[in-house]
Amino acid sequence: MKPTPLVILARILARRRGEEAPSFHPEEEARAVRAHLRAKARTSREREVAEYLIRAAWGGAAGTGAGSLKSLLWTLRDHAGPLYEPLAERLLIRILEDPL
């Protein structure tokens, strides 16, 4: 099973802090990864990206339609095959580094 963009973001944040990548039990992954991201996102940009992805995962949040980061990440997940994880990771790193 492919990791969600939320799990990929959690791995990126762990790597940035020199921590071991988190693992989540499949039956509790959604709740656990949201809690983990909220606890580990330290900078304002990390918090913005984490909260955006959390809202986007629930669906229907403003700014998550066609052409959005959420749309791009989920399209990669559905269609990029083995390139999904490295592409999603690179995109999320770029978004975290974006000074907007």
C-alpha atoms as a PDB file:
ATOM      1  CA  MET A   1       0.000   0.000   0.000  1.00  0.00           C
ATOM      2  CA  LYS A   2       1.325   3.432  -0.940  1.00  0.00           C
ATOM      3  CA  PRO A   3       1.907   5.922   1.861  1.00  0.00           C
ATOM      4  CA  THR A   4      -0.350   8.956   1.935  1.00  0.00           C
ATOM      5  CA  PRO A   5       1.090  12.428   1.377  1.00  0.00           C
ATOM      6  CA  LEU A   6       0.599  12.966   5.131  1.00  0.00           C
ATOM      7  CA  VAL A   7       2.867  10.014   5.920  1.00  0.00           C
ATOM      8  CA  ILE A   8       5.471  11.259   3.440  1.00  0.00           C
ATOM      9  CA  LEU A   9       5.394  14.679   5.116  1.00  0.00           C
ATOM     10  CA  ALA A  10       5.819  13.044   8.540  1.00  0.00           C
ATOM     11  CA  ARG A  11       8.904  11.215   7.223  1.00  0.00           C
ATOM     12  CA  ILE A  12      10.355  14.463   5.839  1.00  0.00           C
ATOM     13  CA  LEU A  13       9.878  16.275   9.159  1.00  0.00           C
ATOM     14  CA  ALA A  14      11.516  13.391  11.048  1.00  0.00           C
ATOM     15  CA  ARG A  15      14.499  13.397   8.698  1.00  0.00           C
ATOM     16  CA  ARG A  16      14.880  17.187   9.117  1.00  0.00           C
ATOM     17  CA  ARG A  17      15.209  16.678  12.858  1.00  0.00           C
ATOM     18  CA  GLY A  18      17.502  13.671  12.678  1.00  0.00           C
ATOM     19  CA  GLU A  19      14.774  11.417  14.062  1.00  0.00           C
ATOM     20  CA  GLU A  20      13.725   7.968  12.997  1.00  0.00           C
ATOM     21  CA  ALA A  21      10.900   7.898  10.480  1.00  0.00           C
ATOM     22  CA  PRO A  22       7.583   7.296  12.229  1.00  0.00           C
ATOM     23  CA  SER A  23       5.531   4.210  11.570  1.00  0.00           C
ATOM     24  CA  PHE A  24       1.789   4.045  11.936  1.00  0.00           C
ATOM     25  CA  HIS A  25      -0.502   1.054  12.393  1.00  0.00           C
ATOM     26  CA  PRO A  26      -2.785   0.887   9.346  1.00  0.00           C
ATOM     27  CA  GLU A  27      -5.988   0.770  11.379  1.00  0.00           C
ATOM     28  CA  GLU A  28      -5.098   4.008  13.181  1.00  0.00           C
ATOM     29  CA  GLU A  29      -2.935   5.693  10.559  1.00  0.00           C
ATOM     30  CA  ALA A  30      -5.229   8.623   9.713  1.00  0.00           C
ATOM     31  CA  ARG A  31      -5.660   9.773  13.311  1.00  0.00           C
ATOM     32  CA  ALA A  32      -2.093   8.998  14.336  1.00  0.00           C
ATOM     33  CA  VAL A  33      -0.416  10.780  11.432  1.00  0.00           C
ATOM     34  CA  ARG A  34      -2.549  13.902  11.963  1.00  0.00           C
ATOM     35  CA  ALA A  35      -1.604  13.986  15.648  1.00  0.00           C
ATOM     36  CA  HIS A  36       2.042  13.333  14.797  1.00  0.00           C
ATOM     37  CA  LEU A  37       2.186  16.146  12.247  1.00  0.00           C
ATOM     38  CA  ARG A  38       0.538  18.614  14.602  1.00  0.00           C
ATOM     39  CA  ALA A  39       3.068  17.722  17.297  1.00  0.00           C
ATOM     40  CA  LYS A  40       6.165  17.741  15.074  1.00  0.00           C
ATOM     41  CA  ALA A  41       5.557  20.688  12.742  1.00  0.00           C
ATOM     42  CA  ARG A  42       7.643  23.438  14.332  1.00  0.00           C
ATOM     43  CA  THR A  43       8.036  26.249  11.840  1.00  0.00           C
ATOM     44  CA  SER A  44       5.075  28.269  10.661  1.00  0.00           C
ATOM     45  CA  ARG A  45       5.570  26.915   7.123  1.00  0.00           C
ATOM     46  CA  GLU A  46       5.630  23.300   8.367  1.00  0.00           C
ATOM     47  CA  ARG A  47       2.431  23.951  10.321  1.00  0.00           C
ATOM     48  CA  GLU A  48       0.762  25.584   7.297  1.00  0.00           C
ATOM     49  CA  VAL A  49       1.620  22.666   5.005  1.00  0.00           C
ATOM     50  CA  ALA A  50       0.633  20.055   7.603  1.00  0.00           C
ATOM     51  CA  GLU A  51      -2.715  21.711   8.320  1.00  0.00           C
ATOM     52  CA  TYR A  52      -3.415  22.144   4.614  1.00  0.00           C
ATOM     53  CA  LEU A  53      -2.776  18.446   3.927  1.00  0.00           C
ATOM     54  CA  ILE A  54      -4.853  17.432   6.953  1.00  0.00           C
ATOM     55  CA  ARG A  55      -7.790  19.533   5.710  1.00  0.00           C
ATOM     56  CA  ALA A  56      -7.281  18.288   2.155  1.00  0.00           C
ATOM     57  CA  ALA A  57      -7.320  14.646   3.254  1.00  0.00           C
ATOM     58  CA  TRP A  58     -10.785  15.198   4.749  1.00  0.00           C
ATOM     59  CA  GLY A  59     -11.943  16.533   1.382  1.00  0.00           C
ATOM     60  CA  GLY A  60     -13.907  19.582   0.400  1.00  0.00           C
ATOM     61  CA  ALA A  61     -11.576  22.129   1.995  1.00  0.00           C
ATOM     62  CA  ALA A  62     -11.151  25.436   0.190  1.00  0.00           C
ATOM     63  CA  GLY A  63      -8.120  25.503  -2.086  1.00  0.00           C
ATOM     64  CA  THR A  64      -7.929  21.741  -2.531  1.00  0.00           C
ATOM     65  CA  GLY A  65      -9.629  21.399  -5.914  1.00  0.00           C
ATOM     66  CA  ALA A  66      -8.212  20.893  -9.398  1.00  0.00           C
ATOM     67  CA  GLY A  67      -4.733  22.359  -9.766  1.00  0.00           C
ATOM     68  CA  SER A  68      -4.095  22.405  -6.019  1.00  0.00           C
ATOM     69  CA  LEU A  69      -1.236  20.774  -4.145  1.00  0.00           C
ATOM     70  CA  LYS A  70      -3.688  18.174  -2.856  1.00  0.00           C
ATOM     71  CA  SER A  71      -4.899  17.412  -6.356  1.00  0.00           C
ATOM     72  CA  LEU A  72      -1.346  17.052  -7.641  1.00  0.00           C
ATOM     73  CA  LEU A  73      -0.243  14.789  -4.772  1.00  0.00           C
ATOM     74  CA  TRP A  74      -3.264  12.502  -5.057  1.00  0.00           C
ATOM     75  CA  THR A  75      -2.894  12.370  -8.857  1.00  0.00           C
ATOM     76  CA  LEU A  76       0.736  11.315  -8.413  1.00  0.00           C
ATOM     77  CA  ARG A  77      -0.385   8.679  -5.912  1.00  0.00           C
ATOM     78  CA  ASP A  78      -2.933   7.281  -8.338  1.00  0.00           C
ATOM     79  CA  HIS A  79      -0.922   7.467 -11.574  1.00  0.00           C
ATOM     80  CA  ALA A  80       2.847   7.822 -11.059  1.00  0.00           C
ATOM     81  CA  GLY A  81       3.520   4.225 -10.097  1.00  0.00           C
ATOM     82  CA  PRO A  82       6.974   3.702  -8.572  1.00  0.00           C
ATOM     83  CA  LEU A  83       7.798   7.392  -9.082  1.00  0.00           C
ATOM     84  CA  TYR A  84       5.039   8.482  -6.691  1.00  0.00           C
ATOM     85  CA  GLU A  85       7.050   8.504  -3.466  1.00  0.00           C
ATOM     86  CA  PRO A  86      10.182  10.290  -4.748  1.00  0.00           C
ATOM     87  CA  LEU A  87       8.106  12.828  -6.698  1.00  0.00           C
ATOM     88  CA  ALA A  88       5.741  13.509  -3.802  1.00  0.00           C
ATOM     89  CA  GLU A  89       8.666  13.826  -1.410  1.00  0.00           C
ATOM     90  CA  ARG A  90      10.489  16.283  -3.661  1.00  0.00           C
ATOM     91  CA  LEU A  91       7.323  18.328  -4.169  1.00  0.00           C
ATOM     92  CA  LEU A  92       6.629  18.512  -0.433  1.00  0.00           C
ATOM     93  CA  ILE A  93      10.230  19.505   0.313  1.00  0.00           C
ATOM     94  CA  ARG A  94       9.948  22.260  -2.283  1.00  0.00           C
ATOM     95  CA  ILE A  95       6.676  23.472  -0.757  1.00  0.00           C
ATOM     96  CA  LEU A  96       8.236  23.514   2.716  1.00  0.00           C
ATOM     97  CA  GLU A  97      11.148  25.573   1.407  1.00  0.00           C
ATOM     98  CA  ASP A  98       8.887  28.016  -0.448  1.00  0.00           C
ATOM     99  CA  PRO A  99       8.962  31.379   1.344  1.00  0.00           C
ATOM    100  CA  LEU A 100       5.338  32.275   0.485  1.00  0.00           C
END
